[in-house]
N, C-alpha and C. Protein backbone atom coordinates (compact mmCIF):
# COMPACT_ATOMS: atom_id res chain seq x y z
N MET A 1 0.85 -1.17 0.00
CA MET A 1 0.00 0.00 0.00
C MET A 1 0.89 1.23 0.00
N ASN A 2 0.69 2.14 -0.95
CA ASN A 2 1.54 3.32 -0.97
C ASN A 2 0.94 4.40 -0.08
N SER A 3 1.66 5.50 0.08
CA SER A 3 1.24 6.54 1.01
C SER A 3 -0.02 7.27 0.57
N ASN A 4 -0.38 7.20 -0.72
CA ASN A 4 -1.58 7.86 -1.21
C ASN A 4 -2.85 7.07 -0.92
N GLN A 5 -2.70 5.79 -0.64
CA GLN A 5 -3.86 4.96 -0.35
C GLN A 5 -4.09 4.95 1.15
N THR A 6 -5.36 5.00 1.53
CA THR A 6 -5.70 4.94 2.94
C THR A 6 -6.53 3.69 3.20
N ARG A 7 -6.49 3.24 4.41
CA ARG A 7 -7.30 2.09 4.80
C ARG A 7 -8.75 2.52 4.87
N PRO A 8 -9.66 1.65 4.47
CA PRO A 8 -11.08 2.02 4.58
C PRO A 8 -11.46 2.24 6.03
N SER A 9 -12.36 3.18 6.27
CA SER A 9 -12.76 3.47 7.65
C SER A 9 -13.58 2.35 8.25
N ASN A 10 -14.19 1.54 7.39
CA ASN A 10 -14.98 0.41 7.87
C ASN A 10 -14.60 -0.81 7.03
N PRO A 11 -13.54 -1.51 7.45
CA PRO A 11 -13.06 -2.62 6.63
C PRO A 11 -14.07 -3.75 6.48
N LEU A 12 -13.88 -4.50 5.42
CA LEU A 12 -14.74 -5.64 5.13
C LEU A 12 -14.08 -6.92 5.63
N LEU A 13 -14.89 -7.83 6.12
CA LEU A 13 -14.41 -9.11 6.63
C LEU A 13 -14.87 -10.24 5.73
N THR A 14 -14.07 -11.27 5.65
CA THR A 14 -14.44 -12.47 4.89
C THR A 14 -15.34 -13.34 5.76
N PRO A 15 -16.05 -14.29 5.14
CA PRO A 15 -16.87 -15.20 5.95
C PRO A 15 -16.04 -15.95 7.00
N ALA A 16 -14.81 -16.31 6.67
CA ALA A 16 -13.96 -17.02 7.63
C ALA A 16 -13.62 -16.14 8.83
N GLU A 17 -13.38 -14.85 8.60
CA GLU A 17 -13.07 -13.93 9.70
C GLU A 17 -14.29 -13.73 10.60
N VAL A 18 -15.46 -13.60 10.00
CA VAL A 18 -16.69 -13.45 10.78
C VAL A 18 -16.97 -14.73 11.56
N ALA A 19 -16.77 -15.86 10.91
CA ALA A 19 -16.99 -17.16 11.56
C ALA A 19 -16.08 -17.32 12.78
N ALA A 20 -14.84 -16.90 12.65
CA ALA A 20 -13.92 -17.00 13.78
C ALA A 20 -14.38 -16.12 14.95
N ALA A 21 -14.91 -14.95 14.64
CA ALA A 21 -15.38 -14.06 15.69
C ALA A 21 -16.58 -14.64 16.43
N PHE A 22 -17.47 -15.31 15.70
CA PHE A 22 -18.67 -15.90 16.30
C PHE A 22 -18.45 -17.35 16.75
N ARG A 23 -17.30 -17.91 16.41
CA ARG A 23 -16.99 -19.31 16.73
C ARG A 23 -17.99 -20.26 16.09
N VAL A 24 -18.23 -20.04 14.80
CA VAL A 24 -19.10 -20.91 14.01
C VAL A 24 -18.39 -21.25 12.70
N ASP A 25 -18.98 -22.12 11.92
CA ASP A 25 -18.44 -22.48 10.62
C ASP A 25 -18.72 -21.36 9.61
N PRO A 26 -17.83 -21.11 8.66
CA PRO A 26 -18.08 -20.08 7.64
C PRO A 26 -19.40 -20.29 6.87
N LYS A 27 -19.80 -21.53 6.68
CA LYS A 27 -21.08 -21.79 5.99
C LYS A 27 -22.26 -21.26 6.81
N THR A 28 -22.13 -21.26 8.12
CA THR A 28 -23.18 -20.71 8.98
C THR A 28 -23.32 -19.22 8.74
N VAL A 29 -22.21 -18.53 8.60
CA VAL A 29 -22.23 -17.09 8.32
C VAL A 29 -22.93 -16.83 6.99
N THR A 30 -22.65 -17.65 6.00
CA THR A 30 -23.30 -17.51 4.69
C THR A 30 -24.80 -17.75 4.81
N ARG A 31 -25.20 -18.73 5.60
CA ARG A 31 -26.63 -18.99 5.80
C ARG A 31 -27.31 -17.81 6.50
N TRP A 32 -26.62 -17.19 7.48
CA TRP A 32 -27.17 -16.02 8.14
C TRP A 32 -27.39 -14.89 7.13
N ALA A 33 -26.44 -14.72 6.23
CA ALA A 33 -26.57 -13.67 5.22
C ALA A 33 -27.74 -13.96 4.28
N LYS A 34 -27.86 -15.21 3.85
CA LYS A 34 -28.97 -15.59 2.96
C LYS A 34 -30.32 -15.41 3.65
N ALA A 35 -30.36 -15.63 4.96
CA ALA A 35 -31.60 -15.50 5.73
C ALA A 35 -31.89 -14.05 6.12
N GLY A 36 -30.95 -13.15 5.84
CA GLY A 36 -31.16 -11.74 6.16
C GLY A 36 -30.80 -11.36 7.58
N LYS A 37 -30.16 -12.26 8.31
CA LYS A 37 -29.78 -11.96 9.69
C LYS A 37 -28.53 -11.11 9.77
N LEU A 38 -27.72 -11.15 8.74
CA LEU A 38 -26.45 -10.41 8.71
C LEU A 38 -26.30 -9.82 7.32
N HIS A 39 -26.09 -8.51 7.26
CA HIS A 39 -25.96 -7.83 5.98
C HIS A 39 -24.63 -8.18 5.34
N SER A 40 -24.67 -8.50 4.04
CA SER A 40 -23.43 -8.78 3.33
C SER A 40 -23.35 -7.93 2.07
N ILE A 41 -22.13 -7.75 1.60
CA ILE A 41 -21.85 -7.03 0.37
C ILE A 41 -21.22 -8.03 -0.57
N ARG A 42 -21.60 -8.00 -1.83
CA ARG A 42 -21.02 -8.90 -2.82
C ARG A 42 -19.89 -8.20 -3.56
N THR A 43 -18.76 -8.88 -3.71
CA THR A 43 -17.66 -8.35 -4.50
C THR A 43 -17.96 -8.55 -5.98
N LEU A 44 -17.14 -7.99 -6.83
CA LEU A 44 -17.33 -8.18 -8.27
C LEU A 44 -17.24 -9.65 -8.65
N GLY A 45 -16.47 -10.42 -7.90
CA GLY A 45 -16.34 -11.85 -8.16
C GLY A 45 -17.45 -12.69 -7.55
N GLY A 46 -18.40 -12.04 -6.85
CA GLY A 46 -19.52 -12.76 -6.26
C GLY A 46 -19.30 -13.25 -4.84
N HIS A 47 -18.18 -12.89 -4.24
CA HIS A 47 -17.90 -13.33 -2.88
C HIS A 47 -18.57 -12.40 -1.87
N ARG A 48 -18.96 -12.94 -0.74
CA ARG A 48 -19.60 -12.14 0.29
C ARG A 48 -18.54 -11.51 1.20
N ARG A 49 -18.81 -10.28 1.58
CA ARG A 49 -17.98 -9.58 2.56
C ARG A 49 -18.92 -8.91 3.55
N TYR A 50 -18.45 -8.74 4.77
CA TYR A 50 -19.28 -8.22 5.85
C TYR A 50 -18.60 -7.01 6.47
N LEU A 51 -19.39 -5.99 6.80
CA LEU A 51 -18.84 -4.80 7.42
C LEU A 51 -18.38 -5.12 8.84
N GLU A 52 -17.16 -4.75 9.12
CA GLU A 52 -16.60 -5.01 10.46
C GLU A 52 -17.46 -4.35 11.53
N ALA A 53 -17.98 -3.16 11.26
CA ALA A 53 -18.80 -2.45 12.25
C ALA A 53 -20.06 -3.24 12.59
N ASP A 54 -20.67 -3.89 11.60
CA ASP A 54 -21.87 -4.71 11.85
C ASP A 54 -21.54 -5.87 12.77
N VAL A 55 -20.44 -6.54 12.50
CA VAL A 55 -20.04 -7.70 13.30
C VAL A 55 -19.69 -7.26 14.72
N VAL A 56 -18.95 -6.18 14.86
CA VAL A 56 -18.57 -5.68 16.19
C VAL A 56 -19.81 -5.27 16.98
N ALA A 57 -20.78 -4.63 16.30
CA ALA A 57 -22.00 -4.21 17.00
C ALA A 57 -22.76 -5.40 17.55
N ILE A 58 -22.85 -6.47 16.77
CA ILE A 58 -23.56 -7.67 17.23
C ILE A 58 -22.81 -8.31 18.39
N LEU A 59 -21.50 -8.42 18.26
CA LEU A 59 -20.70 -9.05 19.31
C LEU A 59 -20.69 -8.24 20.60
N SER A 60 -20.78 -6.92 20.48
CA SER A 60 -20.71 -6.08 21.68
C SER A 60 -22.08 -5.83 22.31
N GLY A 61 -23.11 -6.45 21.74
CA GLY A 61 -24.44 -6.31 22.32
C GLY A 61 -25.16 -5.06 21.86
N GLY A 62 -24.86 -4.60 20.66
CA GLY A 62 -25.52 -3.43 20.10
C GLY A 62 -26.97 -3.69 19.79
N PRO A 63 -27.63 -2.71 19.17
CA PRO A 63 -29.06 -2.84 18.84
C PRO A 63 -29.34 -4.07 17.98
N GLY A 64 -30.32 -4.84 18.36
CA GLY A 64 -30.72 -6.01 17.60
C GLY A 64 -29.88 -7.24 17.86
N SER A 65 -28.93 -7.15 18.76
CA SER A 65 -28.04 -8.29 18.99
C SER A 65 -28.65 -9.35 19.90
N SER A 66 -29.77 -9.04 20.56
CA SER A 66 -30.37 -10.00 21.49
C SER A 66 -30.87 -11.24 20.76
N ALA A 67 -31.10 -11.15 19.47
CA ALA A 67 -31.55 -12.31 18.70
C ALA A 67 -30.40 -13.25 18.33
N TRP A 68 -29.18 -12.85 18.65
CA TRP A 68 -28.01 -13.63 18.28
C TRP A 68 -27.53 -14.44 19.48
N PRO A 69 -27.68 -15.78 19.42
CA PRO A 69 -27.22 -16.61 20.54
C PRO A 69 -25.74 -16.43 20.83
N ALA A 70 -24.91 -16.33 19.80
CA ALA A 70 -23.47 -16.20 20.02
C ALA A 70 -23.14 -14.89 20.74
N ALA A 71 -23.91 -13.84 20.47
CA ALA A 71 -23.63 -12.55 21.07
C ALA A 71 -24.12 -12.47 22.51
N SER A 72 -25.15 -13.24 22.85
CA SER A 72 -25.72 -13.15 24.19
C SER A 72 -25.12 -14.18 25.15
N GLY A 73 -24.12 -14.92 24.68
CA GLY A 73 -23.48 -15.90 25.54
C GLY A 73 -24.11 -17.26 25.51
N GLN A 74 -25.19 -17.45 24.76
CA GLN A 74 -25.84 -18.75 24.65
C GLN A 74 -25.17 -19.53 23.55
N THR A 75 -25.16 -20.84 23.65
CA THR A 75 -24.59 -21.67 22.58
C THR A 75 -25.58 -22.66 22.08
């Protein structure tokens, strides 16, 4: 990365990175996205990416996180 490029203010995470944060399989993250539980962005190649801020909000108990078993400490 050269000095003219800046890091995005809200980086994107791969399904594997999100899965590691929630301690689930990456396919589970994909199912959540398909079900509308987690917002995803599609790359030009068709891969899903997730906003880091969305994942952090769910993990930290932000608005709407009570529906997430992983975020509320339930397994």
